[in-house]
Protein backbone atom coordinates (compact mmCIF):
# COMPACT_ATOMS: atom_id res chain seq x y z
CA MET A 1 96.14 124.72 178.27
CA PRO A 2 97.84 126.68 181.10
CA ASP A 3 95.16 128.49 183.25
CA GLU A 4 96.52 132.08 182.22
CA GLU A 5 96.57 131.41 178.61
CA TYR A 6 93.18 129.73 178.58
CA LEU A 7 91.71 132.72 180.70
CA LYS A 8 92.89 135.41 178.34
CA LYS A 9 91.72 133.48 175.06
CA ALA A 10 88.40 132.78 177.11
CA PHE A 11 87.91 136.72 178.01
CA LYS A 12 88.70 137.96 174.65
CA ALA A 13 86.22 135.73 172.88
CA SER A 14 83.36 136.39 175.59
CA LEU A 15 84.07 140.29 176.08
CA GLY A 16 85.95 140.95 172.98
CA LYS A 17 88.68 142.80 174.55
CA GLU A 18 92.13 141.86 175.92
CA LEU A 19 92.44 140.63 179.86
CA ASN A 20 94.70 143.05 181.70
CA LEU A 21 96.13 141.07 184.41
CA GLU A 22 99.24 143.47 185.42
CA SER A 23 96.54 146.29 186.31
CA PRO A 24 92.99 144.75 186.45
CA GLN A 25 90.55 147.42 186.68
CA THR A 26 87.16 145.90 186.29
CA PHE A 27 85.25 143.37 187.99
CA ASN A 28 85.29 140.78 185.19
CA GLU A 29 89.08 141.23 184.89
CA LYS A 30 89.65 141.09 188.87
CA LEU A 31 87.63 137.82 189.03
CA GLN A 32 90.10 136.23 186.59
CA TRP A 33 92.81 137.61 188.47
CA LEU A 34 91.50 136.15 191.78
CA LYS A 35 90.96 132.67 189.96
CA LEU A 36 94.94 132.79 189.31
CA TYR A 37 96.35 134.30 192.40
CA ASN A 38 93.84 134.12 195.24
CA ARG A 39 94.21 130.26 196.06
CA LYS A 40 93.15 129.76 199.43
CA PRO A 41 92.10 125.92 200.33
CA ASP A 42 89.45 127.07 202.37
CA TYR A 43 87.35 128.09 199.05
CA THR A 44 87.01 124.65 198.25
CA ALA A 45 84.71 123.71 200.90
CA MET A 46 82.82 126.79 200.52
CA VAL A 47 81.80 125.82 196.88
CA ASP A 48 81.11 122.38 197.90
CA LYS A 49 77.42 122.32 198.49
CA PHE A 50 77.69 119.54 200.81
CA ALA A 51 80.62 120.79 203.01
CA VAL A 52 79.71 124.44 203.20
CA ARG A 53 76.96 123.27 205.37
CA LYS A 54 78.77 123.03 208.38
CA ILE A 55 80.57 126.45 207.64
CA VAL A 56 77.25 128.26 207.27
CA GLU A 57 75.72 126.17 210.61
CA GLU A 58 78.89 127.53 212.29
CA LYS A 59 78.15 131.01 211.26
CA ILE A 60 74.64 131.80 211.32
CA GLY A 61 72.90 128.56 212.36
CA GLU A 62 71.58 125.53 211.33
CA GLU A 63 68.03 127.18 210.86
CA HIS A 64 69.05 128.32 207.79
CA LEU A 65 69.99 125.53 205.84
CA ILE A 66 67.47 123.59 203.75
CA PRO A 67 66.91 120.39 205.20
CA LEU A 68 68.98 117.78 203.62
CA LEU A 69 67.39 114.49 202.71
CA GLY A 70 70.13 112.36 201.90
CA VAL A 71 73.57 112.13 200.36
CA TRP A 72 75.24 109.60 198.01
CA ASP A 73 78.75 108.95 196.20
CA ASP A 74 76.95 107.48 193.07
CA ALA A 75 73.51 107.59 191.65
CA GLU A 76 72.95 104.04 191.71
CA SER A 77 73.01 104.25 195.70
CA ILE A 78 69.85 106.48 195.86
CA ASP A 79 67.10 104.77 197.16
CA PHE A 80 63.97 106.60 195.46
CA ASP A 81 61.37 104.97 197.69
CA LYS A 82 62.85 106.76 200.82
CA LEU A 83 62.52 110.25 199.32
CA PRO A 84 59.44 112.10 199.85
CA ASP A 85 56.83 113.07 196.63
CA GLN A 86 58.59 115.97 196.15
CA PHE A 87 62.45 117.07 196.78
CA VAL A 88 65.63 118.42 194.64
CA LEU A 89 68.59 116.29 193.91
CA LYS A 90 71.94 117.98 192.69
CA CYS A 91 75.90 117.39 192.36
CA ASN A 92 77.62 119.00 194.80
CA HIS A 93 80.46 120.44 192.85
CA ASN A 94 78.85 122.17 189.76
CA SER A 95 75.96 124.20 188.55
CA GLY A 96 73.03 122.78 187.04
CA LEU A 97 74.30 119.63 185.26
CA GLY A 98 72.42 116.64 186.82
CA MET A 99 69.89 118.83 188.63
CA CYS A 100 66.40 117.25 189.43
CA ILE A 101 63.62 119.17 190.67
CA CYS A 102 60.83 116.79 191.73
CA LYS A 103 57.48 118.15 192.20
CA ASP A 104 55.50 114.35 192.04
CA LYS A 105 57.93 111.37 192.39
CA SER A 106 54.98 109.31 190.79
CA LYS A 107 55.62 111.04 187.20
CA LEU A 108 59.68 110.95 187.80
CA ASN A 109 61.56 108.89 185.26
CA ILE A 110 64.22 107.56 187.54
CA LYS A 111 66.19 105.82 185.03
CA LYS A 112 66.67 109.18 183.23
CA VAL A 113 67.37 111.17 186.40
CA LYS A 114 70.21 108.66 187.26
CA ASN A 115 71.60 109.02 183.98
CA GLU A 116 71.77 112.72 184.09
CA LEU A 117 73.11 112.64 187.71
CA LYS A 118 75.73 110.45 186.20
CA LYS A 119 76.77 113.03 183.69
CA GLY A 120 76.61 115.73 186.70
CA LEU A 121 79.22 113.73 188.60
CA ALA A 122 81.55 113.30 185.82
CA GLN A 123 81.54 116.90 184.75
CA ASP A 124 84.87 118.74 185.39
CA TYR A 125 83.25 122.18 186.25
CA TYR A 126 86.58 123.50 186.70
CA LEU A 127 87.69 123.15 183.22
CA LYS A 128 84.98 125.52 181.30
CA GLY A 129 85.85 128.74 183.30
CA ARG A 130 89.22 127.51 185.12
CA GLU A 131 87.68 128.13 188.65
CA TRP A 132 90.29 126.30 190.72
CA PRO A 133 88.05 126.01 194.00
CA TYR A 134 85.95 123.21 192.30
CA LYS A 135 88.82 121.27 190.89
CA ASP A 136 89.24 119.10 193.94
CA VAL A 137 85.58 118.81 195.56
CA PRO A 138 84.96 115.27 196.50
CA ARG A 139 81.92 114.76 194.22
CA LYS A 140 78.80 113.74 195.93
CA ILE A 141 75.09 113.90 195.13
CA ILE A 142 72.79 115.35 197.79
CA ALA A 143 68.99 115.36 198.32
CA GLU A 144 67.21 118.90 199.63
CA LYS A 145 63.82 119.36 200.76
CA TYR A 146 61.29 121.01 197.93
CA MET A 147 60.95 124.62 198.96
CA THR A 148 58.89 127.58 197.91
CA ASP A 149 58.63 131.18 198.61
CA SER A 150 55.03 130.22 200.22
CA GLU A 151 52.58 127.83 200.55
CA GLN A 152 50.92 129.41 198.07
CA SER A 153 53.63 129.77 195.58
CA ASP A 154 55.35 127.80 193.04
CA CYS A 155 58.36 129.63 192.98
CA PHE A 156 61.71 129.75 195.03
CA THR A 157 63.09 133.33 194.51
CA ASP A 158 66.76 133.57 194.47
CA TYR A 159 68.43 136.62 196.04
CA LYS A 160 72.00 136.97 195.12
CA PHE A 161 74.10 139.49 197.20
CA PHE A 162 77.23 141.13 195.82
CA CYS A 163 79.68 141.15 198.84
CA PHE A 164 82.94 142.98 198.67
CA SER A 165 85.21 142.09 202.03
CA GLY A 166 81.99 141.65 204.08
CA GLU A 167 80.30 144.88 202.55
CA VAL A 168 77.14 144.04 200.75
CA ASP A 169 76.50 146.51 197.87
CA CYS A 170 73.16 145.29 196.33
CA VAL A 171 71.32 142.11 195.67
CA MET A 172 70.40 140.64 192.16
CA VAL A 173 67.03 139.01 192.17
CA CYS A 174 66.25 136.04 189.93
CA ILE A 175 62.91 135.66 188.53
CA ASP A 176 60.77 133.45 186.54
CA ARG A 177 63.59 130.68 186.55
CA ASN A 178 60.62 127.99 186.95
CA LEU A 179 59.19 129.33 183.30
CA GLY A 180 62.66 128.56 181.93
CA ALA A 181 63.56 132.10 181.25
CA PRO A 182 65.09 133.65 184.11
CA LYS A 183 65.20 137.63 184.59
CA PHE A 184 67.69 139.37 186.78
CA TYR A 185 67.21 142.75 188.37
CA PHE A 186 69.55 144.42 191.04
CA PHE A 187 68.31 146.19 194.15
CA GLY A 188 70.04 148.36 196.83
CA LYS A 189 69.48 148.03 200.65
CA ASN A 190 66.60 150.30 200.56
CA TRP A 191 64.96 148.23 197.65
CA GLU A 192 65.78 150.95 195.13
CA LEU A 193 66.19 149.52 191.38
CA LYS A 194 70.01 149.47 190.33
CA ARG A 195 70.46 150.03 186.82
CA TYR A 196 73.79 147.78 186.60
CA ASN A 197 73.03 145.63 183.85
CA LYS A 198 71.33 145.62 180.42
CA ARG A 199 67.50 144.21 181.82
CA GLY A 200 67.81 146.88 184.53
CA ILE A 201 68.61 150.08 181.89
CA ALA A 202 65.49 148.82 179.90
CA ALA A 203 63.14 148.37 182.98
CA PRO A 204 60.32 151.15 183.26
CA HIS A 205 61.20 154.13 185.58
CA ASP A 206 58.81 152.75 188.19
CA PHE A 207 59.88 149.45 187.95
CA THR A 208 60.14 147.28 191.17
CA LEU A 209 59.54 143.64 192.54
CA PRO A 210 58.00 142.26 195.78
CA LYS A 211 60.28 143.28 198.71
CA PRO A 212 60.88 140.46 201.15
CA ALA A 213 59.75 141.38 204.63
CA ASN A 214 63.00 140.41 205.97
CA ILE A 215 65.25 141.70 203.30
CA GLY A 216 67.38 143.65 206.06
CA LYS A 217 67.95 140.41 207.86
CA MET A 218 69.25 139.01 204.46
CA PHE A 219 71.81 141.61 203.99
CA GLU A 220 73.20 141.01 207.45
CA ILE A 221 73.38 137.35 206.82
CA ALA A 222 75.12 138.17 203.61
CA ALA A 223 77.60 140.32 205.11
CA GLU A 224 78.36 137.83 207.89
CA LEU A 225 79.16 134.78 205.27
CA SER A 226 81.35 137.14 203.09
CA LYS A 227 83.72 138.64 205.55
CA SER A 228 87.15 138.20 204.76
CA LEU A 229 86.57 137.53 201.26
CA PRO A 230 87.65 140.04 198.71
CA PHE A 231 84.39 139.23 196.53
CA ALA A 232 81.58 136.68 196.98
CA ARG A 233 78.24 136.34 195.97
CA ILE A 234 76.18 135.00 198.69
CA ASP A 235 72.81 133.40 197.23
CA LEU A 236 69.85 133.32 199.53
CA TYR A 237 66.09 132.34 199.82
CA GLN A 238 63.16 133.02 201.82
CA SER A 239 60.31 130.57 202.46
CA ASN A 240 57.21 131.77 204.52
CA GLY A 241 59.51 134.42 206.27
CA GLN A 242 62.37 132.03 207.07
CA ILE A 243 65.89 132.87 205.48
CA TYR A 244 67.59 129.91 203.72
CA PHE A 245 71.14 129.55 202.59
CA GLY A 246 71.62 128.60 198.93
CA GLU A 247 75.40 128.95 197.92
CA ILE A 248 78.87 130.97 197.92
CA THR A 249 79.86 131.85 194.53
CA PHE A 250 83.28 133.27 194.05
CA PHE A 251 83.09 133.77 189.98
CA PRO A 252 79.55 134.75 188.86
CA ASP A 253 79.10 134.20 185.38
CA SER A 254 82.98 132.78 185.52
CA GLY A 255 84.04 136.49 185.20
CA PHE A 256 82.80 136.67 181.32
CA ASP A 257 79.48 138.76 182.25
CA PRO A 258 78.60 140.39 179.28
CA ASN A 259 75.40 141.60 180.78
CA LEU A 260 76.87 144.17 183.20
CA LEU A 261 77.04 147.53 182.15
CA LYS A 262 80.31 149.12 181.42
CA GLU A 263 80.08 151.58 184.38
CA THR A 264 79.01 148.78 186.52
CA ASP A 265 81.96 146.54 185.60
CA GLN A 266 84.34 149.38 186.46
CA TYR A 267 82.34 150.22 189.83
CA PHE A 268 82.33 146.60 191.04
CA GLY A 269 85.82 146.24 190.14
CA SER A 270 86.83 149.71 192.28
CA LYS A 271 85.33 147.75 195.25
CA ILE A 272 87.92 144.64 195.04
CA ASP A 273 90.81 145.37 196.80
CA LEU A 274 93.72 143.06 195.32
CA ARG A 275 96.55 144.52 197.70
CA GLY A 276 98.51 141.85 199.50
CA MET A 277 96.34 139.07 198.19
CA LYS A 278 98.70 137.36 195.73
CA THR A 279 99.32 133.49 196.82
CA LEU A 280 100.83 131.79 194.16
């Protein structure tokens, strides 16, 4: 099915309304428009979890990269004996499928891990949401150092910065992912709760989360990495006070996010300027 036809059907099924591509206004609508008409070849390297490391190193420095333990073209090539007791395995071209977060290698079912990685490598991540940058990523498996917020923590908190042409509006903090029940809250530059989504609206009036000491620097890094991009979500982490890069995402929830409030969808949409951008 052609991308435009597919996206119109998926948008209606996910959000219950027609997709306006002639004059898109909302965030979710404009993300669909960007999928179709803002196809810059550089974006493929930016979503490639292996290739993007070079881009990040050049822009903000190697010290912000999670240490790389290995890279392979297939699961059978991985020598688990050479990996440390703790590590993370993931495919470079998708999100989630095949990932292994290993906290104790002695308890690892290596055969199962390899089978899951094979499934991940076989996944055409482009098809489900027609996120075209993933279509031509050369598929690989990478191993990274296992990281946590601190030596006393078992969590690695995800900070997702919403950036519009290099301007960072807010950060979405993901907690409780290690419990299998992730929760998302938005915060502004002064660490004020932004009630942008359904969970934010439901939070108590005095709700907050621990503020990272280096949050100001994280906003600066997100701004630097998102320059010249009409929209990008820049994912960062911090471990023992050091900031680490996670990934660049162009289409959060593939532009089918029902959890954003209607007014947030409009507000984020107003911050994406599509003028002069059509490349197809």
